[in-house]
Amino acid sequence: QVQLVESGGRLVQAGGSLRLSCTASRRTLSRYAMAWFRQAAGKEREFVAGISWSGGSTVYEDSVKGRFTISRDDAQNMVYLQMNALKREDTAVYYCAADPAPHPARIRTGSEYDYWGQGTQVTVSS
């Protein structure tokens, strides 16, 4: 069982930056593909970014390309989401997800991930 814990969410002004962190208790993340999803109030959960277990491959949702960066530090057992140039529409609860082998064609699909954190709230004000 992988227990994921996110942190770093808070209220920030539009145009600002945040770095979200995700770690796991009692399990190393080094063999897991990782992803960040988000869910805004009244909307469905959506994929934000993903990173392969090796860190060599990343993928982003179109609206965050060039603004967000997903990375991992296996030595620290951490996965990060650096968010720059934040917009009001980035307001959501952000979730970290992990899976040992998500299907490459469905990496943006939440059901491919077996393990989820509780989420961290990001609120972007104008």
Foldseek 3Di string as FASTA:
>chain_A
DWEKAKDWADEEAAQAKTKMKIATPPDFQLQKKKFKWWDAPPGDIWTAKIAHSPRPDMDGDPVQPPFWDWGDDRVVRMIMIIGGRDDQVVWTWMKMFIDNDFPPVCPGPPVSTDYIYPTGTHGYHD
